[in-house]
Amino acid sequence: PTVLDLVKGVKERIYPVGRLDYDTSGLIILTNDGD
């Protein structure tokens, strides 16, 4: 399972900013802003 499986109903193509390990929890930002 990926973090995108948790974000439902967003029509834009988004992606996570940086990484969090598989066994680490917490804050992650998802966006479509490459800059």
Full PDB file with SEQRES, HELIX, SHEET, SSBOND, CRYST1, ORIGX, SCALE, CONECT and MASTER records, all heavy atoms in Angstrom:
SEQRES   1 A   35  PRO THR VAL LEU ASP LEU VAL LYS GLY VAL LYS GLU ARG          
SEQRES   2 A   35  ILE TYR PRO VAL GLY ARG LEU ASP TYR ASP THR SER GLY          
SEQRES   3 A   35  LEU ILE ILE LEU THR ASN ASP GLY ASP                          
HELIX    1 AA1 VAL A    3  LEU A    6  5                                   4    
CRYST1    1.000    1.000    1.000  90.00  90.00  90.00 P 1           1          
ORIGX1      1.000000  0.000000  0.000000        0.00000                         
ORIGX2      0.000000  1.000000  0.000000        0.00000                         
ORIGX3      0.000000  0.000000  1.000000        0.00000                         
SCALE1      1.000000  0.000000  0.000000        0.00000                         
SCALE2      0.000000  1.000000  0.000000        0.00000                         
SCALE3      0.000000  0.000000  1.000000        0.00000                         
ATOM      1  N   PRO A   1       0.832  -1.209   0.000  1.00  0.00           N  
ATOM      2  CA  PRO A   1       0.000   0.000   0.000  1.00  0.00           C  
ATOM      3  C   PRO A   1       0.860   1.249   0.000  1.00  0.00           C  
ATOM      4  O   PRO A   1       1.906   1.290   0.654  1.00  0.00           O  
ATOM      5  CB  PRO A   1      -0.819  -0.123   1.288  1.00  0.00           C  
ATOM      6  CG  PRO A   1      -0.076  -1.081   2.151  1.00  0.00           C  
ATOM      7  CD  PRO A   1       0.632  -2.017   1.223  1.00  0.00           C  
ATOM      8  N   THR A   2       0.430   2.268  -0.744  1.00  0.00           N  
ATOM      9  CA  THR A   2       1.162   3.530  -0.811  1.00  0.00           C  
ATOM     10  C   THR A   2       0.359   4.633  -0.139  1.00  0.00           C  
ATOM     11  O   THR A   2      -0.840   4.483   0.122  1.00  0.00           O  
ATOM     12  CB  THR A   2       1.445   3.937  -2.270  1.00  0.00           C  
ATOM     13  OG1 THR A   2       0.257   4.494  -2.848  1.00  0.00           O  
ATOM     14  CG2 THR A   2       1.911   2.743  -3.107  1.00  0.00           C  
ATOM     15  N   VAL A   3       1.016   5.763   0.107  1.00  0.00           N  
ATOM     16  CA  VAL A   3       0.330   6.878   0.753  1.00  0.00           C  
ATOM     17  C   VAL A   3      -0.832   7.387  -0.093  1.00  0.00           C  
ATOM     18  O   VAL A   3      -1.817   7.912   0.448  1.00  0.00           O  
ATOM     19  CB  VAL A   3       1.306   8.030   1.053  1.00  0.00           C  
ATOM     20  CG1 VAL A   3       2.249   7.654   2.176  1.00  0.00           C  
ATOM     21  CG2 VAL A   3       2.086   8.457  -0.190  1.00  0.00           C  
ATOM     22  N   LEU A   4      -0.750   7.208  -1.409  1.00  0.00           N  
ATOM     23  CA  LEU A   4      -1.854   7.673  -2.263  1.00  0.00           C  
ATOM     24  C   LEU A   4      -3.117   6.848  -2.056  1.00  0.00           C  
ATOM     25  O   LEU A   4      -4.221   7.321  -2.361  1.00  0.00           O  
ATOM     26  CB  LEU A   4      -1.437   7.643  -3.731  1.00  0.00           C  
ATOM     27  CG  LEU A   4      -0.380   8.674  -4.139  1.00  0.00           C  
ATOM     28  CD1 LEU A   4      -0.102   8.605  -5.629  1.00  0.00           C  
ATOM     29  CD2 LEU A   4      -0.794  10.083  -3.749  1.00  0.00           C  
ATOM     30  N   ASP A   5      -2.988   5.625  -1.547  1.00  0.00           N  
ATOM     31  CA  ASP A   5      -4.165   4.812  -1.241  1.00  0.00           C  
ATOM     32  C   ASP A   5      -5.000   5.432  -0.122  1.00  0.00           C  
ATOM     33  O   ASP A   5      -6.189   5.109   0.023  1.00  0.00           O  
ATOM     34  CB  ASP A   5      -3.744   3.394  -0.829  1.00  0.00           C  
ATOM     35  CG  ASP A   5      -3.103   2.628  -1.969  1.00  0.00           C  
ATOM     36  OD1 ASP A   5      -3.495   2.854  -3.137  1.00  0.00           O  
ATOM     37  OD2 ASP A   5      -2.199   1.807  -1.711  1.00  0.00           O  
ATOM     38  N   LEU A   6      -4.389   6.308   0.655  1.00  0.00           N  
ATOM     39  CA  LEU A   6      -5.086   6.934   1.783  1.00  0.00           C  
ATOM     40  C   LEU A   6      -5.784   8.228   1.401  1.00  0.00           C  
ATOM     41  O   LEU A   6      -6.601   8.746   2.165  1.00  0.00           O  
ATOM     42  CB  LEU A   6      -4.085   7.229   2.911  1.00  0.00           C  
ATOM     43  CG  LEU A   6      -3.412   6.009   3.547  1.00  0.00           C  
ATOM     44  CD1 LEU A   6      -2.228   6.449   4.399  1.00  0.00           C  
ATOM     45  CD2 LEU A   6      -4.412   5.229   4.381  1.00  0.00           C  
ATOM     46  N   VAL A   7      -5.443   8.775   0.231  1.00  0.00           N  
ATOM     47  CA  VAL A   7      -5.977  10.075  -0.187  1.00  0.00           C  
ATOM     48  C   VAL A   7      -7.004   9.852  -1.294  1.00  0.00           C  
ATOM     49  O   VAL A   7      -6.660   9.634  -2.450  1.00  0.00           O  
ATOM     50  CB  VAL A   7      -4.849  11.009  -0.663  1.00  0.00           C  
ATOM     51  CG1 VAL A   7      -5.407  12.376  -1.039  1.00  0.00           C  
ATOM     52  CG2 VAL A   7      -3.784  11.166   0.422  1.00  0.00           C  
ATOM     53  N   LYS A   8      -8.261   9.888  -0.933  1.00  0.00           N  
ATOM     54  CA  LYS A   8      -9.346   9.611  -1.879  1.00  0.00           C  
ATOM     55  C   LYS A   8     -10.045  10.906  -2.286  1.00  0.00           C  
ATOM     56  O   LYS A   8     -10.119  11.858  -1.516  1.00  0.00           O  
ATOM     57  CB  LYS A   8     -10.378   8.663  -1.246  1.00  0.00           C  
ATOM     58  CG  LYS A   8      -9.795   7.361  -0.704  1.00  0.00           C  
ATOM     59  CD  LYS A   8      -9.227   6.482  -1.801  1.00  0.00           C  
ATOM     60  CE  LYS A   8      -8.764   5.140  -1.250  1.00  0.00           C  
ATOM     61  NZ  LYS A   8      -8.154   4.292  -2.280  1.00  0.00           N  
ATOM     62  N   GLY A   9     -10.531  10.930  -3.506  1.00  0.00           N  
ATOM     63  CA  GLY A   9     -11.347  12.044  -3.963  1.00  0.00           C  
ATOM     64  C   GLY A   9     -10.581  13.245  -4.480  1.00  0.00           C  
ATOM     65  O   GLY A   9     -11.179  14.306  -4.685  1.00  0.00           O  
ATOM     66  N   VAL A  10      -9.270  13.101  -4.698  1.00  0.00           N  
ATOM     67  CA  VAL A  10      -8.468  14.196  -5.246  1.00  0.00           C  
ATOM     68  C   VAL A  10      -8.245  13.902  -6.728  1.00  0.00           C  
ATOM     69  O   VAL A  10      -7.603  12.912  -7.079  1.00  0.00           O  
ATOM     70  CB  VAL A  10      -7.115  14.316  -4.514  1.00  0.00           C  
ATOM     71  CG1 VAL A  10      -6.272  15.429  -5.133  1.00  0.00           C  
ATOM     72  CG2 VAL A  10      -7.344  14.576  -3.024  1.00  0.00           C  
ATOM     73  N   LYS A  11      -8.773  14.739  -7.608  1.00  0.00           N  
ATOM     74  CA  LYS A  11      -8.714  14.457  -9.040  1.00  0.00           C  
ATOM     75  C   LYS A  11      -7.361  14.795  -9.656  1.00  0.00           C  
ATOM     76  O   LYS A  11      -6.977  14.233 -10.679  1.00  0.00           O  
ATOM     77  CB  LYS A  11      -9.820  15.212  -9.789  1.00  0.00           C  
ATOM     78  CG  LYS A  11      -9.716  16.726  -9.702  1.00  0.00           C  
ATOM     79  CD  LYS A  11     -10.864  17.399 -10.449  1.00  0.00           C  
ATOM     80  CE  LYS A  11     -10.751  18.919 -10.381  1.00  0.00           C  
ATOM     81  NZ  LYS A  11     -11.845  19.595 -11.106  1.00  0.00           N  
ATOM     82  N   GLU A  12      -6.627  15.741  -9.041  1.00  0.00           N  
ATOM     83  CA  GLU A  12      -5.318  16.102  -9.570  1.00  0.00           C  
ATOM     84  C   GLU A  12      -4.306  14.979  -9.328  1.00  0.00           C  
ATOM     85  O   GLU A  12      -4.429  14.212  -8.372  1.00  0.00           O  
ATOM     86  CB  GLU A  12      -4.795  17.395  -8.915  1.00  0.00           C  
ATOM     87  CG  GLU A  12      -5.561  18.637  -9.304  1.00  0.00           C  
ATOM     88  CD  GLU A  12      -6.816  18.848  -8.479  1.00  0.00           C  
ATOM     89  OE1 GLU A  12      -7.066  18.042  -7.549  1.00  0.00           O  
ATOM     90  OE2 GLU A  12      -7.562  19.806  -8.750  1.00  0.00           O  
ATOM     91  N   ARG A  13      -3.313  14.919 -10.196  1.00  0.00           N  
ATOM     92  CA  ARG A  13      -2.253  13.930 -10.047  1.00  0.00           C  
ATOM     93  C   ARG A  13      -1.229  14.465  -9.045  1.00  0.00           C  
ATOM     94  O   ARG A  13      -0.476  15.385  -9.331  1.00  0.00           O  
ATOM     95  CB  ARG A  13      -1.578  13.683 -11.398  1.00  0.00           C  
ATOM     96  CG  ARG A  13      -0.430  12.678 -11.349  1.00  0.00           C  
ATOM     97  CD  ARG A  13       0.251  12.595 -12.703  1.00  0.00           C  
ATOM     98  NE  ARG A  13       1.486  11.847 -12.634  1.00  0.00           N  
ATOM     99  CZ  ARG A  13       2.578  12.143 -13.303  1.00  0.00           C  
ATOM    100  NH1 ARG A  13       2.598  13.206 -14.094  1.00  0.00           N  
ATOM    101  NH2 ARG A  13       3.659  11.399 -13.204  1.00  0.00           N  
ATOM    102  N   ILE A  14      -1.231  13.926  -7.838  1.00  0.00           N  
ATOM    103  CA  ILE A  14      -0.335  14.394  -6.786  1.00  0.00           C  
ATOM    104  C   ILE A  14       0.717  13.329  -6.478  1.00  0.00           C  
ATOM    105  O   ILE A  14       0.594  12.177  -6.901  1.00  0.00           O  
ATOM    106  CB  ILE A  14      -1.113  14.753  -5.505  1.00  0.00           C  
ATOM    107  CG1 ILE A  14      -1.932  13.542  -5.021  1.00  0.00           C  
ATOM    108  CG2 ILE A  14      -2.018  15.958  -5.743  1.00  0.00           C  
ATOM    109  CD1 ILE A  14      -2.619  13.771  -3.685  1.00  0.00           C  
ATOM    110  N   TYR A  15       1.734  13.741  -5.754  1.00  0.00           N  
ATOM    111  CA  TYR A  15       2.827  12.833  -5.402  1.00  0.00           C  
ATOM    112  C   TYR A  15       3.401  13.299  -4.065  1.00  0.00           C  
ATOM    113  O   TYR A  15       3.274  14.469  -3.672  1.00  0.00           O  
ATOM    114  CB  TYR A  15       3.913  12.836  -6.484  1.00  0.00           C  
ATOM    115  CG  TYR A  15       4.273  14.213  -6.948  1.00  0.00           C  
ATOM    116  CD1 TYR A  15       5.203  14.981  -6.264  1.00  0.00           C  
ATOM    117  CD2 TYR A  15       3.634  14.800  -8.046  1.00  0.00           C  
ATOM    118  CE1 TYR A  15       5.517  16.265  -6.664  1.00  0.00           C  
ATOM    119  CE2 TYR A  15       3.940  16.090  -8.457  1.00  0.00           C  
ATOM    120  CZ  TYR A  15       4.887  16.818  -7.757  1.00  0.00           C  
ATOM    121  OH  TYR A  15       5.180  18.098  -8.155  1.00  0.00           O  
ATOM    122  N   PRO A  16       4.044  12.388  -3.324  1.00  0.00           N  
ATOM    123  CA  PRO A  16       4.600  12.771  -2.021  1.00  0.00           C  
ATOM    124  C   PRO A  16       5.875  13.582  -2.167  1.00  0.00           C  
ATOM    125  O   PRO A  16       6.654  13.393  -3.100  1.00  0.00           O  
ATOM    126  CB  PRO A  16       4.883  11.414  -1.350  1.00  0.00           C  
ATOM    127  CG  PRO A  16       5.018  10.443  -2.484  1.00  0.00           C  
ATOM    128  CD  PRO A  16       4.142  10.938  -3.584  1.00  0.00           C  
ATOM    129  N   VAL A  17       6.077  14.488  -1.215  1.00  0.00           N  
ATOM    130  CA  VAL A  17       7.287  15.308  -1.166  1.00  0.00           C  
ATOM    131  C   VAL A  17       8.274  14.622  -0.223  1.00  0.00           C  
ATOM    132  O   VAL A  17       8.031  14.540   0.980  1.00  0.00           O  
ATOM    133  CB  VAL A  17       6.981  16.729  -0.667  1.00  0.00           C  
ATOM    134  CG1 VAL A  17       8.264  17.544  -0.567  1.00  0.00           C  
ATOM    135  CG2 VAL A  17       5.967  17.408  -1.584  1.00  0.00           C  
ATOM    136  N   GLY A  18       9.364  14.122  -0.762  1.00  0.00           N  
ATOM    137  CA  GLY A  18      10.323  13.401   0.067  1.00  0.00           C  
ATOM    138  C   GLY A  18       9.794  12.028   0.441  1.00  0.00           C  
ATOM    139  O   GLY A  18       8.842  11.522  -0.165  1.00  0.00           O  
ATOM    140  N   ARG A  19      10.396  11.440   1.458  1.00  0.00           N  
ATOM    141  CA  ARG A  19      10.049  10.073   1.843  1.00  0.00           C  
ATOM    142  C   ARG A  19       9.940   9.933   3.348  1.00  0.00           C  
ATOM    143  O   ARG A  19      10.581  10.654   4.099  1.00  0.00           O  
ATOM    144  CB  ARG A  19      11.135   9.108   1.359  1.00  0.00           C  
ATOM    145  CG  ARG A  19      11.316   9.098  -0.160  1.00  0.00           C  
ATOM    146  CD  ARG A  19      10.817   7.810  -0.747  1.00  0.00           C  
ATOM    147  NE  ARG A  19      10.892   7.822  -2.193  1.00  0.00           N  
ATOM    148  CZ  ARG A  19      11.219   6.770  -2.918  1.00  0.00           C  
ATOM    149  NH1 ARG A  19      11.530   5.632  -2.331  1.00  0.00           N  
ATOM    150  NH2 ARG A  19      11.215   6.823  -4.231  1.00  0.00           N  
ATOM    151  N   LEU A  20       9.104   8.983   3.751  1.00  0.00           N  
ATOM    152  CA  LEU A  20       9.110   8.454   5.105  1.00  0.00           C  
ATOM    153  C   LEU A  20       9.237   6.944   4.976  1.00  0.00           C  
ATOM    154  O   LEU A  20       8.567   6.330   4.126  1.00  0.00           O  
ATOM    155  CB  LEU A  20       7.813   8.797   5.854  1.00  0.00           C  
ATOM    156  CG  LEU A  20       7.708  10.158   6.534  1.00  0.00           C  
ATOM    157  CD1 LEU A  20       6.380  10.269   7.267  1.00  0.00           C  
ATOM    158  CD2 LEU A  20       8.852  10.391   7.503  1.00  0.00           C  
ATOM    159  N   ASP A  21      10.072   6.340   5.809  1.00  0.00           N  
ATOM    160  CA  ASP A  21      10.273   4.895   5.727  1.00  0.00           C  
ATOM    161  C   ASP A  21       8.952   4.136   5.901  1.00  0.00           C  
ATOM    162  O   ASP A  21       8.008   4.630   6.520  1.00  0.00           O  
ATOM    163  CB  ASP A  21      11.238   4.436   6.826  1.00  0.00           C  
ATOM    164  CG  ASP A  21      12.600   5.096   6.711  1.00  0.00           C  
ATOM    165  OD1 ASP A  21      12.974   5.460   5.586  1.00  0.00           O  
ATOM    166  OD2 ASP A  21      13.268   5.245   7.751  1.00  0.00           O  
ATOM    167  N   TYR A  22       8.940   2.923   5.394  1.00  0.00           N  
ATOM    168  CA  TYR A  22       7.783   2.033   5.500  1.00  0.00           C  
ATOM    169  C   TYR A  22       7.309   1.896   6.942  1.00  0.00           C  
ATOM    170  O   TYR A  22       6.107   1.909   7.225  1.00  0.00           O  
ATOM    171  CB  TYR A  22       8.179   0.665   4.930  1.00  0.00           C  
ATOM    172  CG  TYR A  22       7.100  -0.379   4.933  1.00  0.00           C  
ATOM    173  CD1 TYR A  22       6.087  -0.372   3.978  1.00  0.00           C  
ATOM    174  CD2 TYR A  22       7.110  -1.413   5.877  1.00  0.00           C  
ATOM    175  CE1 TYR A  22       5.099  -1.351   3.963  1.00  0.00           C  
ATOM    176  CE2 TYR A  22       6.132  -2.396   5.868  1.00  0.00           C  
ATOM    177  CZ  TYR A  22       5.123  -2.356   4.912  1.00  0.00           C  
ATOM    178  OH  TYR A  22       4.150  -3.329   4.901  1.00  0.00           O  
ATOM    179  N   ASP A  23       8.275   1.807   7.881  1.00  0.00           N  
ATOM    180  CA  ASP A  23       7.920   1.592   9.289  1.00  0.00           C  
ATOM    181  C   ASP A  23       7.967   2.874  10.120  1.00  0.00           C  
ATOM    182  O   ASP A  23       8.012   2.834  11.349  1.00  0.00           O  
ATOM    183  CB  ASP A  23       8.832   0.524   9.906  1.00  0.00           C  
ATOM    184  CG  ASP A  23      10.311   0.773   9.604  1.00  0.00           C  
ATOM    185  OD1 ASP A  23      10.611   1.742   8.902  1.00  0.00           O  
ATOM    186  OD2 ASP A  23      11.152  -0.020  10.067  1.00  0.00           O  
ATOM    187  N   THR A  24       7.943   4.032   9.450  1.00  0.00           N  
ATOM    188  CA  THR A  24       7.886   5.323  10.135  1.00  0.00           C  
ATOM    189  C   THR A  24       6.554   5.994   9.841  1.00  0.00           C  
ATOM    190  O   THR A  24       6.051   5.922   8.722  1.00  0.00           O  
ATOM    191  CB  THR A  24       9.040   6.238   9.663  1.00  0.00           C  
ATOM    192  OG1 THR A  24      10.285   5.629  10.013  1.00  0.00           O  
ATOM    193  CG2 THR A  24       8.967   7.607  10.326  1.00  0.00           C  
ATOM    194  N   SER A  25       5.996   6.640  10.847  1.00  0.00           N  
ATOM    195  CA  SER A  25       4.711   7.326  10.671  1.00  0.00           C  
ATOM    196  C   SER A  25       4.925   8.830  10.684  1.00  0.00           C  
ATOM    197  O   SER A  25       6.022   9.322  10.916  1.00  0.00           O  
ATOM    198  CB  SER A  25       3.737   6.921  11.788  1.00  0.00           C  
ATOM    199  OG  SER A  25       4.212   7.383  13.038  1.00  0.00           O  
ATOM    200  N   GLY A  26       3.828   9.573  10.415  1.00  0.00           N  
ATOM    201  CA  GLY A  26       3.874  11.009  10.608  1.00  0.00           C  
ATOM    202  C   GLY A  26       3.646  11.849   9.378  1.00  0.00           C  
ATOM    203  O   GLY A  26       3.097  11.404   8.368  1.00  0.00           O  
ATOM    204  N   LEU A  27       4.091  13.100   9.471  1.00  0.00           N  
ATOM    205  CA  LEU A  27       3.740  14.146   8.515  1.00  0.00           C  
ATOM    206  C   LEU A  27       4.426  13.945   7.167  1.00  0.00           C  
ATOM    207  O   LEU A  27       5.644  13.826   7.085  1.00  0.00           O  
ATOM    208  CB  LEU A  27       4.128  15.510   9.103  1.00  0.00           C  
ATOM    209  CG  LEU A  27       3.620  16.775   8.397  1.00  0.00           C  
ATOM    210  CD1 LEU A  27       3.607  17.939   9.395  1.00  0.00           C  
ATOM    211  CD2 LEU A  27       4.449  17.159   7.195  1.00  0.00           C  
ATOM    212  N   ILE A  28       3.616  13.916   6.134  1.00  0.00           N  
ATOM    213  CA  ILE A  28       4.109  13.903   4.760  1.00  0.00           C  
ATOM    214  C   ILE A  28       3.241  14.870   3.953  1.00  0.00           C  
ATOM    215  O   ILE A  28       2.030  14.958   4.169  1.00  0.00           O  
ATOM    216  CB  ILE A  28       4.086  12.481   4.148  1.00  0.00           C  
ATOM    217  CG1 ILE A  28       4.847  12.452   2.822  1.00  0.00           C  
ATOM    218  CG2 ILE A  28       2.690  11.957   3.989  1.00  0.00           C  
ATOM    219  CD1 ILE A  28       6.316  12.278   2.963  1.00  0.00           C  
ATOM    220  N   ILE A  29       3.876  15.633   3.057  1.00  0.00           N  
ATOM    221  CA  ILE A  29       3.158  16.563   2.191  1.00  0.00           C  
ATOM    222  C   ILE A  29       2.975  15.910   0.826  1.00  0.00           C  
ATOM    223  O   ILE A  29       3.889  15.270   0.299  1.00  0.00           O  
ATOM    224  CB  ILE A  29       3.934  17.885   2.025  1.00  0.00           C  
ATOM    225  CG1 ILE A  29       4.144  18.559   3.389  1.00  0.00           C  
ATOM    226  CG2 ILE A  29       3.206  18.829   1.061  1.00  0.00           C  
ATOM    227  CD1 ILE A  29       2.878  18.978   4.080  1.00  0.00           C  
ATOM    228  N   LEU A  30       1.786  16.055   0.243  1.00  0.00           N  
ATOM    229  CA  LEU A  30       1.523  15.611  -1.116  1.00  0.00           C  
ATOM    230  C   LEU A  30       1.073  16.811  -1.935  1.00  0.00           C  
ATOM    231  O   LEU A  30       0.295  17.645  -1.444  1.00  0.00           O  
ATOM    232  CB  LEU A  30       0.451  14.517  -1.149  1.00  0.00           C  
ATOM    233  CG  LEU A  30       0.819  13.239  -0.388  1.00  0.00           C  
ATOM    234  CD1 LEU A  30       0.078  13.190   0.935  1.00  0.00           C  
ATOM    235  CD2 LEU A  30       0.495  11.996  -1.204  1.00  0.00           C  
ATOM    236  N   THR A  31       1.554  16.911  -3.175  1.00  0.00           N  
ATOM    237  CA  THR A  31       1.271  18.092  -3.980  1.00  0.00           C  
ATOM    238  C   THR A  31       1.466  17.779  -5.454  1.00  0.00           C  
ATOM    239  O   THR A  31       1.928  16.693  -5.812  1.00  0.00           O  
ATOM    240  CB  THR A  31       2.196  19.256  -3.555  1.00  0.00           C  
ATOM    241  OG1 THR A  31       1.821  20.445  -4.252  1.00  0.00           O  
ATOM    242  CG2 THR A  31       3.643  18.942  -3.867  1.00  0.00           C  
ATOM    243  N   ASN A  32       1.122  18.740  -6.306  1.00  0.00           N  
ATOM    244  CA  ASN A  32       1.472  18.685  -7.727  1.00  0.00           C  
ATOM    245  C   ASN A  32       2.346  19.882  -8.101  1.00  0.00           C  
ATOM    246  O   ASN A  32       2.486  20.209  -9.268  1.00  0.00           O  
ATOM    247  CB  ASN A  32       0.208  18.643  -8.600  1.00  0.00           C  
ATOM    248  CG  ASN A  32      -0.724  19.824  -8.345  1.00  0.00           C  
ATOM    249  OD1 ASN A  32      -0.498  20.626  -7.433  1.00  0.00           O  
ATOM    250  ND2 ASN A  32      -1.776  19.939  -9.129  1.00  0.00           N  
ATOM    251  N   ASP A  33       2.926  20.514  -7.087  1.00  0.00           N  
ATOM    252  CA  ASP A  33       3.760  21.702  -7.271  1.00  0.00           C  
ATOM    253  C   ASP A  33       5.233  21.285  -7.305  1.00  0.00           C  
ATOM    254  O   ASP A  33       5.852  21.078  -6.257  1.00  0.00           O  
ATOM    255  CB  ASP A  33       3.495  22.685  -6.126  1.00  0.00           C  
ATOM    256  CG  ASP A  33       4.189  24.031  -6.326  1.00  0.00           C  
ATOM    257  OD1 ASP A  33       5.177  24.073  -7.077  1.00  0.00           O  
ATOM    258  OD2 ASP A  33       3.737  25.023  -5.728  1.00  0.00           O  
ATOM    259  N   GLY A  34       5.790  21.169  -8.500  1.00  0.00           N  
ATOM    260  CA  GLY A  34       7.167  20.737  -8.643  1.00  0.00           C  
ATOM    261  C   GLY A  34       8.166  21.714  -8.067  1.00  0.00           C  
ATOM    262  O   GLY A  34       9.196  21.315  -7.513  1.00  0.00           O  
ATOM    263  N   ASP A  35       7.876  23.003  -8.173  1.00  0.00           N  
ATOM    264  CA  ASP A  35       8.781  24.023  -7.651  1.00  0.00           C  
ATOM    265  C   ASP A  35       8.879  23.912  -6.132  1.00  0.00           C  
ATOM    266  O   ASP A  35       9.973  23.919  -5.560  1.00  0.00           O  
ATOM    267  CB  ASP A  35       8.272  25.407  -8.064  1.00  0.00           C  
ATOM    268  CG  ASP A  35       9.207  26.531  -7.638  1.00  0.00           C  
ATOM    269  OD1 ASP A  35      10.406  26.248  -7.458  1.00  0.00           O  
ATOM    270  OD2 ASP A  35       8.746  27.670  -7.494  1.00  0.00           O  
TER     271      ASP A  35                                                      
MASTER        0    0    0    1    0    0    0    6  270    1    0    3          
END                                                                             
